[in-house]
Amino acid sequence: MIRVMIIAVLLAVSIWIFFDAKKRGLRKPFPLMWFLVSLIPPYVAVLAYIIYRVFVMSKVSGSSQKSILCSKCGEENSSVVAVCKACGNNVRVNA
């Protein structure tokens, strides 16, 4: 019973990592890569993703990148993200 609960928690955290990476605008195949890596060495990859998310992604979004205004809610977003951080609307224009 405990093994099933541990596997369920690990799977839930891995799924959260996948959707969080997609929400933050990481391009393919990185959300899938983070998902798969987080399944292999338990919780080491989860810690690595959280460190990456906090330090690397915040520096990228806080750098001198241009801002994009969301056409749905008007929220200012970094040009490196694919979706609006406030409403989830697609803000990246496909070229």
C-alpha atoms as a PDB file:
ATOM      1  CA  MET A   1       0.000   0.000   0.000  1.00  0.00           C
ATOM      2  CA  ILE A   2       2.838   2.392   0.856  1.00  0.00           C
ATOM      3  CA  ARG A   3       4.587   1.615  -2.449  1.00  0.00           C
ATOM      4  CA  VAL A   4       1.448   2.488  -4.389  1.00  0.00           C
ATOM      5  CA  MET A   5       1.156   5.794  -2.531  1.00  0.00           C
ATOM      6  CA  ILE A   6       4.812   6.652  -3.182  1.00  0.00           C
ATOM      7  CA  ILE A   7       4.440   5.850  -6.887  1.00  0.00           C
ATOM      8  CA  ALA A   8       1.233   7.923  -7.052  1.00  0.00           C
ATOM      9  CA  VAL A   9       2.948  10.925  -5.439  1.00  0.00           C
ATOM     10  CA  LEU A  10       5.964  10.591  -7.748  1.00  0.00           C
ATOM     11  CA  LEU A  11       3.694  10.396 -10.792  1.00  0.00           C
ATOM     12  CA  ALA A  12       1.632  13.391  -9.616  1.00  0.00           C
ATOM     13  CA  VAL A  13       4.766  15.497  -9.101  1.00  0.00           C
ATOM     14  CA  SER A  14       6.099  14.469 -12.518  1.00  0.00           C
ATOM     15  CA  ILE A  15       2.817  15.458 -14.167  1.00  0.00           C
ATOM     16  CA  TRP A  16       2.907  18.802 -12.336  1.00  0.00           C
ATOM     17  CA  ILE A  17       6.452  19.392 -13.633  1.00  0.00           C
ATOM     18  CA  PHE A  18       5.325  18.639 -17.199  1.00  0.00           C
ATOM     19  CA  PHE A  19       2.395  21.067 -17.119  1.00  0.00           C
ATOM     20  CA  ASP A  20       4.342  23.731 -15.222  1.00  0.00           C
ATOM     21  CA  ALA A  21       7.131  23.631 -17.805  1.00  0.00           C
ATOM     22  CA  LYS A  22       4.568  23.943 -20.630  1.00  0.00           C
ATOM     23  CA  LYS A  23       2.792  26.798 -18.834  1.00  0.00           C
ATOM     24  CA  ARG A  24       6.053  28.676 -18.414  1.00  0.00           C
ATOM     25  CA  GLY A  25       6.667  28.501 -22.153  1.00  0.00           C
ATOM     26  CA  LEU A  26       9.438  25.929 -22.401  1.00  0.00           C
ATOM     27  CA  ARG A  27       9.523  24.692 -25.958  1.00  0.00           C
ATOM     28  CA  LYS A  28       9.239  21.079 -27.010  1.00  0.00           C
ATOM     29  CA  PRO A  29      10.794  18.647 -26.037  1.00  0.00           C
ATOM     30  CA  PHE A  30      11.771  20.197 -22.668  1.00  0.00           C
ATOM     31  CA  PRO A  31       8.469  19.660 -20.776  1.00  0.00           C
ATOM     32  CA  LEU A  32       8.520  15.980 -21.779  1.00  0.00           C
ATOM     33  CA  MET A  33      12.210  15.725 -20.916  1.00  0.00           C
ATOM     34  CA  TRP A  34      11.620  17.132 -17.408  1.00  0.00           C
ATOM     35  CA  PHE A  35       8.691  14.734 -16.948  1.00  0.00           C
ATOM     36  CA  LEU A  36      10.725  11.668 -17.924  1.00  0.00           C
ATOM     37  CA  VAL A  37      13.799  12.695 -15.942  1.00  0.00           C
ATOM     38  CA  SER A  38      11.706  13.301 -12.822  1.00  0.00           C
ATOM     39  CA  LEU A  39      10.468   9.700 -12.973  1.00  0.00           C
ATOM     40  CA  ILE A  40      13.927   8.086 -13.051  1.00  0.00           C
ATOM     41  CA  PRO A  41      15.928   9.341 -10.030  1.00  0.00           C
ATOM     42  CA  PRO A  42      13.240  10.026  -7.424  1.00  0.00           C
ATOM     43  CA  TYR A  43      13.153  13.615  -6.245  1.00  0.00           C
ATOM     44  CA  VAL A  44      16.651  14.515  -7.456  1.00  0.00           C
ATOM     45  CA  ALA A  45      15.227  15.708 -10.764  1.00  0.00           C
ATOM     46  CA  VAL A  46      12.337  17.412  -8.959  1.00  0.00           C
ATOM     47  CA  LEU A  47      14.843  19.436  -6.958  1.00  0.00           C
ATOM     48  CA  ALA A  48      16.830  20.173 -10.130  1.00  0.00           C
ATOM     49  CA  TYR A  49      13.684  21.420 -11.903  1.00  0.00           C
ATOM     50  CA  ILE A  50      12.708  23.663  -9.005  1.00  0.00           C
ATOM     51  CA  ILE A  51      16.217  25.153  -8.928  1.00  0.00           C
ATOM     52  CA  TYR A  52      16.086  25.616 -12.715  1.00  0.00           C
ATOM     53  CA  ARG A  53      12.628  27.169 -12.469  1.00  0.00           C
ATOM     54  CA  VAL A  54      13.551  29.610  -9.712  1.00  0.00           C
ATOM     55  CA  PHE A  55      17.002  30.711 -10.809  1.00  0.00           C
ATOM     56  CA  VAL A  56      17.300  30.199 -14.576  1.00  0.00           C
ATOM     57  CA  MET A  57      13.754  30.946 -15.704  1.00  0.00           C
ATOM     58  CA  SER A  58      13.473  34.010 -13.454  1.00  0.00           C
ATOM     59  CA  LYS A  59      16.707  35.432 -14.878  1.00  0.00           C
ATOM     60  CA  VAL A  60      15.487  34.856 -18.432  1.00  0.00           C
ATOM     61  CA  SER A  61      12.139  36.484 -17.770  1.00  0.00           C
ATOM     62  CA  GLY A  62      13.739  39.276 -15.733  1.00  0.00           C
ATOM     63  CA  SER A  63      16.364  40.162 -18.320  1.00  0.00           C
ATOM     64  CA  SER A  64      16.160  42.914 -20.890  1.00  0.00           C
ATOM     65  CA  GLN A  65      13.700  40.978 -23.048  1.00  0.00           C
ATOM     66  CA  LYS A  66      10.852  42.789 -24.755  1.00  0.00           C
ATOM     67  CA  SER A  67       7.424  42.601 -23.202  1.00  0.00           C
ATOM     68  CA  ILE A  68       4.285  41.319 -24.880  1.00  0.00           C
ATOM     69  CA  LEU A  69       0.845  42.518 -23.863  1.00  0.00           C
ATOM     70  CA  CYS A  70      -1.853  39.872 -23.662  1.00  0.00           C
ATOM     71  CA  SER A  71      -4.617  40.536 -26.172  1.00  0.00           C
ATOM     72  CA  LYS A  72      -7.198  39.038 -23.811  1.00  0.00           C
ATOM     73  CA  CYS A  73      -6.474  40.647 -20.416  1.00  0.00           C
ATOM     74  CA  GLY A  74      -3.776  43.260 -21.156  1.00  0.00           C
ATOM     75  CA  GLU A  75      -1.228  41.764 -18.745  1.00  0.00           C
ATOM     76  CA  GLU A  76       2.427  42.471 -19.543  1.00  0.00           C
ATOM     77  CA  ASN A  77       4.377  39.257 -20.213  1.00  0.00           C
ATOM     78  CA  SER A  78       7.988  38.499 -21.038  1.00  0.00           C
ATOM     79  CA  SER A  79       8.665  37.747 -24.685  1.00  0.00           C
ATOM     80  CA  VAL A  80      10.113  34.339 -23.759  1.00  0.00           C
ATOM     81  CA  VAL A  81       6.802  32.893 -22.513  1.00  0.00           C
ATOM     82  CA  ALA A  82       4.167  31.279 -24.693  1.00  0.00           C
ATOM     83  CA  VAL A  83       1.122  31.935 -22.526  1.00  0.00           C
ATOM     84  CA  CYS A  84      -0.089  34.842 -20.402  1.00  0.00           C
ATOM     85  CA  LYS A  85       0.843  34.456 -16.742  1.00  0.00           C
ATOM     86  CA  ALA A  86      -2.493  35.963 -15.653  1.00  0.00           C
ATOM     87  CA  CYS A  87      -5.124  34.348 -17.872  1.00  0.00           C
ATOM     88  CA  GLY A  88      -3.363  31.548 -19.785  1.00  0.00           C
ATOM     89  CA  ASN A  89      -4.076  33.051 -23.216  1.00  0.00           C
ATOM     90  CA  ASN A  90      -1.566  32.285 -25.996  1.00  0.00           C
ATOM     91  CA  VAL A  91       0.679  35.370 -26.308  1.00  0.00           C
ATOM     92  CA  ARG A  92       3.376  34.033 -28.611  1.00  0.00           C
ATOM     93  CA  VAL A  93       2.817  34.794 -32.276  1.00  0.00           C
ATOM     94  CA  ASN A  94       3.898  31.880 -34.453  1.00  0.00           C
ATOM     95  CA  ALA A  95       6.186  33.120 -37.216  1.00  0.00           C
END
